[in-house]
Amino acid sequence: MTRHALPATEVLVVADCWQAETEAEATVLRAIAAAAESVDADTGDAELAVMLTDDAGIR
């Protein structure tokens, strides 16, 4: 499989409960990289945002 560029990614840690999880952003970025490598599509022009929040933040 051809290796493609990863999507531009921004991880927002907005809930206090996620602040203590020091590896949260790195874990999300590793998961995105693994997902991008598992498909045969060039995701280099894509943009992706992930927000780590809590139930109150969703409401």
PDB file of N, CA and C in Angstrom:
ATOM      1  N   MET A   1       0.852  -1.173   0.000  1.00  0.00           N
ATOM      2  CA  MET A   1       0.000   0.000   0.000  1.00  0.00           C
ATOM      3  C   MET A   1       0.898   1.237   0.000  1.00  0.00           C
ATOM      4  N   THR A   2       0.530   2.223  -0.777  1.00  0.00           N
ATOM      5  CA  THR A   2       1.291   3.464  -0.869  1.00  0.00           C
ATOM      6  C   THR A   2       1.105   4.292   0.390  1.00  0.00           C
ATOM      7  N   ARG A   3       2.192   4.859   0.860  1.00  0.00           N
ATOM      8  CA  ARG A   3       2.105   5.724   2.042  1.00  0.00           C
ATOM      9  C   ARG A   3       1.717   7.129   1.596  1.00  0.00           C
ATOM     10  N   HIS A   4       0.619   7.647   2.154  1.00  0.00           N
ATOM     11  CA  HIS A   4       0.115   8.969   1.811  1.00  0.00           C
ATOM     12  C   HIS A   4       0.335   9.926   2.980  1.00  0.00           C
ATOM     13  N   ALA A   5       0.183  11.202   2.680  1.00  0.00           N
ATOM     14  CA  ALA A   5       0.281  12.224   3.725  1.00  0.00           C
ATOM     15  C   ALA A   5      -0.910  12.121   4.669  1.00  0.00           C
ATOM     16  N   LEU A   6      -0.688  12.477   5.906  1.00  0.00           N
ATOM     17  CA  LEU A   6      -1.759  12.465   6.902  1.00  0.00           C
ATOM     18  C   LEU A   6      -2.590  13.734   6.789  1.00  0.00           C
ATOM     19  N   PRO A   7      -3.850  13.671   7.219  1.00  0.00           N
ATOM     20  CA  PRO A   7      -4.673  14.882   7.197  1.00  0.00           C
ATOM     21  C   PRO A   7      -4.151  15.898   8.211  1.00  0.00           C
ATOM     22  N   ALA A   8      -4.356  17.171   7.914  1.00  0.00           N
ATOM     23  CA  ALA A   8      -4.049  18.219   8.887  1.00  0.00           C
ATOM     24  C   ALA A   8      -5.002  18.020  10.062  1.00  0.00           C
ATOM     25  N   THR A   9      -4.461  17.903  11.256  1.00  0.00           N
ATOM     26  CA  THR A   9      -5.276  17.538  12.411  1.00  0.00           C
ATOM     27  C   THR A   9      -5.073  18.512  13.554  1.00  0.00           C
ATOM     28  N   GLU A  10      -6.182  18.891  14.172  1.00  0.00           N
ATOM     29  CA  GLU A  10      -6.156  19.721  15.375  1.00  0.00           C
ATOM     30  C   GLU A  10      -6.913  18.970  16.464  1.00  0.00           C
ATOM     31  N   VAL A  11      -6.282  18.808  17.605  1.00  0.00           N
ATOM     32  CA  VAL A  11      -6.926  18.168  18.753  1.00  0.00           C
ATOM     33  C   VAL A  11      -7.160  19.244  19.805  1.00  0.00           C
ATOM     34  N   LEU A  12      -8.422  19.427  20.162  1.00  0.00           N
ATOM     35  CA  LEU A  12      -8.802  20.423  21.166  1.00  0.00           C
ATOM     36  C   LEU A  12      -9.147  19.700  22.457  1.00  0.00           C
ATOM     37  N   VAL A  13      -8.443  20.009  23.519  1.00  0.00           N
ATOM     38  CA  VAL A  13      -8.716  19.430  24.836  1.00  0.00           C
ATOM     39  C   VAL A  13      -9.438  20.508  25.630  1.00  0.00           C
ATOM     40  N   VAL A  14     -10.771  20.405  25.711  1.00  0.00           N
ATOM     41  CA  VAL A  14     -11.553  21.501  26.281  1.00  0.00           C
ATOM     42  C   VAL A  14     -12.160  21.195  27.647  1.00  0.00           C
ATOM     43  N   ALA A  15     -12.345  19.944  27.985  1.00  0.00           N
ATOM     44  CA  ALA A  15     -12.948  19.607  29.274  1.00  0.00           C
ATOM     45  C   ALA A  15     -11.861  19.383  30.322  1.00  0.00           C
ATOM     46  N   ASP A  16     -12.135  19.834  31.521  1.00  0.00           N
ATOM     47  CA  ASP A  16     -11.175  19.666  32.618  1.00  0.00           C
ATOM     48  C   ASP A  16     -10.799  18.208  32.829  1.00  0.00           C
ATOM     49  N   CYS A  17     -11.747  17.308  32.643  1.00  0.00           N
ATOM     50  CA  CYS A  17     -11.473  15.888  32.882  1.00  0.00           C
ATOM     51  C   CYS A  17     -10.414  15.334  31.924  1.00  0.00           C
ATOM     52  N   TRP A  18     -10.233  15.956  30.782  1.00  0.00           N
ATOM     53  CA  TRP A  18      -9.220  15.511  29.829  1.00  0.00           C
ATOM     54  C   TRP A  18      -7.862  16.161  30.079  1.00  0.00           C
ATOM     55  N   GLN A  19      -7.804  17.230  30.839  1.00  0.00           N
ATOM     56  CA  GLN A  19      -6.547  17.933  31.078  1.00  0.00           C
ATOM     57  C   GLN A  19      -5.514  17.043  31.776  1.00  0.00           C
ATOM     58  N   ALA A  20      -5.978  16.161  32.640  1.00  0.00           N
ATOM     59  CA  ALA A  20      -5.067  15.288  33.382  1.00  0.00           C
ATOM     60  C   ALA A  20      -4.540  14.129  32.534  1.00  0.00           C
ATOM     61  N   GLU A  21      -5.165  13.883  31.398  1.00  0.00           N
ATOM     62  CA  GLU A  21      -4.745  12.791  30.513  1.00  0.00           C
ATOM     63  C   GLU A  21      -3.659  13.312  29.578  1.00  0.00           C
ATOM     64  N   THR A  22      -2.425  13.243  30.051  1.00  0.00           N
ATOM     65  CA  THR A  22      -1.319  13.870  29.329  1.00  0.00           C
ATOM     66  C   THR A  22      -1.043  13.237  27.965  1.00  0.00           C
ATOM     67  N   GLU A  23      -1.445  12.004  27.766  1.00  0.00           N
ATOM     68  CA  GLU A  23      -1.202  11.317  26.496  1.00  0.00           C
ATOM     69  C   GLU A  23      -2.409  11.334  25.567  1.00  0.00           C
ATOM     70  N   ALA A  24      -3.473  12.038  25.938  1.00  0.00           N
ATOM     71  CA  ALA A  24      -4.710  12.010  25.146  1.00  0.00           C
ATOM     72  C   ALA A  24      -4.475  12.497  23.718  1.00  0.00           C
ATOM     73  N   GLU A  25      -3.853  13.636  23.557  1.00  0.00           N
ATOM     74  CA  GLU A  25      -3.636  14.176  22.211  1.00  0.00           C
ATOM     75  C   GLU A  25      -2.759  13.248  21.380  1.00  0.00           C
ATOM     76  N   ALA A  26      -1.692  12.746  21.958  1.00  0.00           N
ATOM     77  CA  ALA A  26      -0.801  11.839  21.234  1.00  0.00           C
ATOM     78  C   ALA A  26      -1.529  10.557  20.841  1.00  0.00           C
ATOM     79  N   THR A  27      -2.387  10.059  21.711  1.00  0.00           N
ATOM     80  CA  THR A  27      -3.154   8.851  21.410  1.00  0.00           C
ATOM     81  C   THR A  27      -4.099   9.085  20.240  1.00  0.00           C
ATOM     82  N   VAL A  28      -4.774  10.225  20.238  1.00  0.00           N
ATOM     83  CA  VAL A  28      -5.675  10.568  19.132  1.00  0.00           C
ATOM     84  C   VAL A  28      -4.883  10.660  17.829  1.00  0.00           C
ATOM     85  N   LEU A  29      -3.739  11.306  17.853  1.00  0.00           N
ATOM     86  CA  LEU A  29      -2.934  11.460  16.642  1.00  0.00           C
ATOM     87  C   LEU A  29      -2.426  10.116  16.130  1.00  0.00           C
ATOM     88  N   ARG A  30      -2.050   9.214  17.033  1.00  0.00           N
ATOM     89  CA  ARG A  30      -1.625   7.872  16.613  1.00  0.00           C
ATOM     90  C   ARG A  30      -2.780   7.108  15.981  1.00  0.00           C
ATOM     91  N   ALA A  31      -3.977   7.239  16.548  1.00  0.00           N
ATOM     92  CA  ALA A  31      -5.152   6.559  15.994  1.00  0.00           C
ATOM     93  C   ALA A  31      -5.482   7.091  14.600  1.00  0.00           C
ATOM     94  N   ILE A  32      -5.377   8.391  14.411  1.00  0.00           N
ATOM     95  CA  ILE A  32      -5.638   8.981  13.098  1.00  0.00           C
ATOM     96  C   ILE A  32      -4.607   8.489  12.086  1.00  0.00           C
ATOM     97  N   ALA A  33      -3.355   8.442  12.481  1.00  0.00           N
ATOM     98  CA  ALA A  33      -2.304   7.954  11.587  1.00  0.00           C
ATOM     99  C   ALA A  33      -2.552   6.500  11.206  1.00  0.00           C
ATOM    100  N   ALA A  34      -2.932   5.676  12.170  1.00  0.00           N
ATOM    101  CA  ALA A  34      -3.207   4.266  11.886  1.00  0.00           C
ATOM    102  C   ALA A  34      -4.395   4.122  10.944  1.00  0.00           C
ATOM    103  N   ALA A  35      -5.431   4.911  11.168  1.00  0.00           N
ATOM    104  CA  ALA A  35      -6.608   4.851  10.298  1.00  0.00           C
ATOM    105  C   ALA A  35      -6.259   5.308   8.884  1.00  0.00           C
ATOM    106  N   ALA A  36      -5.492   6.375   8.767  1.00  0.00           N
ATOM    107  CA  ALA A  36      -5.121   6.889   7.450  1.00  0.00           C
ATOM    108  C   ALA A  36      -4.264   5.890   6.685  1.00  0.00           C
ATOM    109  N   GLU A  37      -3.413   5.164   7.391  1.00  0.00           N
ATOM    110  CA  GLU A  37      -2.551   4.184   6.743  1.00  0.00           C
ATOM    111  C   GLU A  37      -3.298   2.921   6.347  1.00  0.00           C
ATOM    112  N   SER A  38      -4.466   2.691   6.923  1.00  0.00           N
ATOM    113  CA  SER A  38      -5.201   1.454   6.642  1.00  0.00           C
ATOM    114  C   SER A  38      -6.107   1.561   5.420  1.00  0.00           C
ATOM    115  N   VAL A  39      -6.216   2.743   4.837  1.00  0.00           N
ATOM    116  CA  VAL A  39      -7.044   2.919   3.644  1.00  0.00           C
ATOM    117  C   VAL A  39      -6.161   3.333   2.472  1.00  0.00           C
ATOM    118  N   ASP A  40      -6.605   3.024   1.283  1.00  0.00           N
ATOM    119  CA  ASP A  40      -5.849   3.389   0.096  1.00  0.00           C
ATOM    120  C   ASP A  40      -6.409   4.692  -0.462  1.00  0.00           C
ATOM    121  N   ALA A  41      -6.215   5.759   0.277  1.00  0.00           N
ATOM    122  CA  ALA A  41      -6.695   7.076  -0.125  1.00  0.00           C
ATOM    123  C   ALA A  41      -5.696   8.119   0.356  1.00  0.00           C
ATOM    124  N   ASP A  42      -5.504   9.131  -0.450  1.00  0.00           N
ATOM    125  CA  ASP A  42      -4.608  10.214  -0.062  1.00  0.00           C
ATOM    126  C   ASP A  42      -5.385  11.190   0.815  1.00  0.00           C
ATOM    127  N   THR A  43      -5.060  11.225   2.085  1.00  0.00           N
ATOM    128  CA  THR A  43      -5.767  12.093   3.033  1.00  0.00           C
ATOM    129  C   THR A  43      -5.006  13.386   3.305  1.00  0.00           C
ATOM    130  N   GLY A  44      -3.967  13.637   2.548  1.00  0.00           N
ATOM    131  CA  GLY A  44      -3.125  14.806   2.782  1.00  0.00           C
ATOM    132  C   GLY A  44      -3.828  16.138   2.619  1.00  0.00           C
ATOM    133  N   ASP A  45      -4.857  16.194   1.781  1.00  0.00           N
ATOM    134  CA  ASP A  45      -5.598  17.445   1.599  1.00  0.00           C
ATOM    135  C   ASP A  45      -6.761  17.573   2.570  1.00  0.00           C
ATOM    136  N   ALA A  46      -6.979  16.575   3.401  1.00  0.00           N
ATOM    137  CA  ALA A  46      -8.103  16.589   4.347  1.00  0.00           C
ATOM    138  C   ALA A  46      -7.731  17.378   5.597  1.00  0.00           C
ATOM    139  N   GLU A  47      -8.752  17.868   6.263  1.00  0.00           N
ATOM    140  CA  GLU A  47      -8.583  18.536   7.553  1.00  0.00           C
ATOM    141  C   GLU A  47      -9.474  17.832   8.558  1.00  0.00           C
ATOM    142  N   LEU A  48      -8.993  17.688   9.763  1.00  0.00           N
ATOM    143  CA  LEU A  48      -9.700  16.945  10.787  1.00  0.00           C
ATOM    144  C   LEU A  48      -9.541  17.660  12.116  1.00  0.00           C
ATOM    145  N   ALA A  49     -10.635  17.773  12.851  1.00  0.00           N
ATOM    146  CA  ALA A  49     -10.593  18.340  14.200  1.00  0.00           C
ATOM    147  C   ALA A  49     -11.254  17.354  15.153  1.00  0.00           C
ATOM    148  N   VAL A  50     -10.627  17.146  16.286  1.00  0.00           N
ATOM    149  CA  VAL A  50     -11.154  16.272  17.329  1.00  0.00           C
ATOM    150  C   VAL A  50     -11.242  17.097  18.603  1.00  0.00           C
ATOM    151  N   MET A  51     -12.414  17.106  19.216  1.00  0.00           N
ATOM    152  CA  MET A  51     -12.600  17.840  20.467  1.00  0.00           C
ATOM    153  C   MET A  51     -12.813  16.835  21.595  1.00  0.00           C
ATOM    154  N   LEU A  52     -11.945  16.888  22.582  1.00  0.00           N
ATOM    155  CA  LEU A  52     -12.091  16.050  23.767  1.00  0.00           C
ATOM    156  C   LEU A  52     -12.847  16.868  24.805  1.00  0.00           C
ATOM    157  N   THR A  53     -14.089  16.490  25.034  1.00  0.00           N
ATOM    158  CA  THR A  53     -14.959  17.243  25.924  1.00  0.00           C
ATOM    159  C   THR A  53     -15.702  16.280  26.841  1.00  0.00           C
ATOM    160  N   ASP A  54     -16.659  16.794  27.569  1.00  0.00           N
ATOM    161  CA  ASP A  54     -17.478  15.964  28.451  1.00  0.00           C
ATOM    162  C   ASP A  54     -18.948  16.141  28.084  1.00  0.00           C
ATOM    163  N   ASP A  55     -19.824  15.471  28.817  1.00  0.00           N
ATOM    164  CA  ASP A  55     -21.258  15.542  28.518  1.00  0.00           C
ATOM    165  C   ASP A  55     -21.782  16.973  28.570  1.00  0.00           C
ATOM    166  N   ALA A  56     -21.337  17.739  29.542  1.00  0.00           N
ATOM    167  CA  ALA A  56     -21.803  19.123  29.663  1.00  0.00           C
ATOM    168  C   ALA A  56     -21.394  19.943  28.442  1.00  0.00           C
ATOM    169  N   GLY A  57     -20.232  19.681  27.921  1.00  0.00           N
ATOM    170  CA  GLY A  57     -19.767  20.395  26.741  1.00  0.00           C
ATOM    171  C   GLY A  57     -20.558  20.057  25.489  1.00  0.00           C
ATOM    172  N   ILE A  58     -21.098  18.854  25.437  1.00  0.00           N
ATOM    173  CA  ILE A  58     -21.914  18.443  24.296  1.00  0.00           C
ATOM    174  C   ILE A  58     -23.283  19.095  24.359  1.00  0.00           C
ATOM    175  N   ARG A  59     -23.816  19.210  25.559  1.00  0.00           N
ATOM    176  CA  ARG A  59     -25.150  19.804  25.719  1.00  0.00           C
ATOM    177  C   ARG A  59     -25.044  21.264  25.502  1.00  0.00           C
TER     178      ARG A  59
END
